[in-house]
Protein backbone atom coordinates (compact mmCIF):
# COMPACT_ATOMS: atom_id res chain seq x y z
CA MET A 1 45.42 35.36 175.88
CA CYS A 2 46.68 35.04 179.42
CA ALA A 3 45.37 32.28 181.66
CA ALA A 4 46.11 32.59 185.36
CA TYR A 5 45.57 29.43 187.31
CA SER A 6 46.58 27.22 190.17
CA ALA A 7 44.75 23.88 190.02
CA PRO A 8 46.54 21.62 187.49
CA ALA A 9 43.47 19.75 186.25
CA THR A 10 41.36 22.87 185.69
CA SER A 11 44.17 25.07 184.48
CA GLY A 12 45.49 22.46 182.11
CA ALA A 13 42.05 22.03 180.58
CA VAL A 14 41.66 25.78 180.09
CA ALA A 15 45.15 26.13 178.64
CA ARG A 16 44.56 23.25 176.21
CA MET A 17 41.17 24.67 175.19
CA LEU A 18 42.69 28.09 174.52
CA ALA A 19 45.57 26.55 172.58
CA ARG A 20 43.17 24.52 170.44
CA ALA A 21 41.37 27.79 169.66
CA GLY A 22 44.66 29.29 168.46
CA ALA A 23 45.52 31.43 171.49
CA THR A 24 49.03 31.98 172.71
CA VAL A 25 48.75 31.01 176.37
CA VAL A 26 50.59 32.64 179.25
CA GLY A 27 50.09 30.48 182.31
CA VAL A 28 50.77 31.45 185.91
CA ASP A 29 51.25 29.04 188.78
CA TYR A 30 53.22 28.99 192.02
CA LEU A 31 54.71 25.58 191.11
CA GLN A 32 57.30 25.30 188.35
CA GLN A 33 56.24 21.67 187.84
CA THR A 34 52.67 22.69 186.98
CA VAL A 35 53.93 25.34 184.56
CA ASP A 36 56.22 22.79 182.90
CA GLU A 37 53.49 20.14 182.62
CA THR A 38 51.01 22.59 181.13
CA LYS A 39 53.64 23.88 178.71
CA ALA A 40 54.27 20.31 177.51
CA ASP A 41 50.52 19.72 177.05
CA VAL A 42 50.01 22.93 175.07
CA GLU A 43 53.08 22.39 172.91
CA ALA A 44 52.00 18.80 172.19
CA LEU A 45 48.89 20.36 170.63
CA GLY A 46 51.07 22.63 168.51
CA GLY A 47 50.31 25.67 170.67
CA ILE A 48 52.51 28.39 172.11
CA PHE A 49 52.86 28.59 175.89
CA TYR A 50 54.81 30.92 178.14
CA GLY A 51 54.97 30.19 181.84
CA ILE A 52 55.32 32.52 184.80
CA VAL A 53 55.96 31.20 188.29
CA ALA A 54 54.18 33.41 190.84
CA ASP A 55 52.02 33.01 193.93
CA LEU A 56 48.70 34.68 193.12
CA MET A 57 48.05 35.15 196.83
CA ASP A 58 51.03 37.52 197.08
CA PRO A 59 50.31 41.01 195.67
CA ALA A 60 54.03 41.70 195.29
CA GLN A 61 54.22 38.78 192.84
CA THR A 62 51.00 39.56 190.99
CA ASP A 63 51.80 43.21 190.32
CA THR A 64 54.23 42.27 187.53
CA ILE A 65 52.22 39.55 185.76
CA VAL A 66 50.71 41.81 183.08
CA GLU A 67 54.08 43.41 182.38
CA LYS A 68 55.72 39.97 182.11
CA THR A 69 52.91 38.74 179.86
CA LEU A 70 53.39 41.67 177.48
CA ALA A 71 57.15 41.08 177.44
CA LEU A 72 56.68 37.38 176.64
CA ALA A 73 53.70 37.38 174.29
CA GLY A 74 53.68 40.94 172.97
CA ARG A 75 50.01 41.53 173.75
CA LEU A 76 47.18 40.60 176.07
CA ASP A 77 43.74 40.03 174.58
CA GLY A 78 41.95 38.49 177.53
CA VAL A 79 42.32 36.84 180.91
CA ALA A 80 40.90 33.55 182.15
CA ASN A 81 41.33 33.49 185.90
CA VAL A 82 40.80 29.94 187.12
CA ALA A 83 42.96 30.28 190.21
CA GLY A 84 41.75 29.04 193.54
CA GLY A 85 38.74 26.94 194.20
CA THR A 86 35.13 27.09 195.09
CA ARG A 87 32.94 25.34 197.57
CA PRO A 88 30.06 23.23 196.25
CA ASP A 89 27.55 25.44 198.08
CA GLU A 90 28.75 28.41 195.98
CA TRP A 91 27.93 26.93 192.60
CA LEU A 92 25.62 23.94 193.03
CA PRO A 93 22.50 26.09 193.61
CA LEU A 94 22.87 27.71 190.15
CA LYS A 95 19.86 27.11 187.97
CA ARG A 96 20.60 24.95 184.91
CA ARG A 97 19.93 27.86 182.52
CA LEU A 98 22.44 30.09 184.29
CA TRP A 99 24.98 27.26 184.56
CA LYS A 100 24.88 26.80 180.76
CA CYS A 101 26.30 30.32 180.44
CA PHE A 102 29.47 29.11 182.15
CA GLU A 103 30.00 25.93 180.17
CA ALA A 104 33.01 25.87 177.88
CA ARG A 105 32.35 24.65 174.39
């Protein structure tokens, strides 16, 4: 499982959730510090984490992420893209029933 992210709080939560579920996590961030902190969190849970430092806003840096993921983890089963942010007006209007589809359990 590859998780691409940029916001430490959100990305760390997703990485920890995936690790608890038994996934090998490949995390991408433009800050080495965020990669290192997330790696420590995942490994503290007994999980496996590989970090890639790349700016997801730069296509030249994103073009090699899948190749690097395969080299590090050997396979790619899914992608959780939690990079970037949203504005409250983009998600607050969602009806409760639809919002439940997005909740992580």
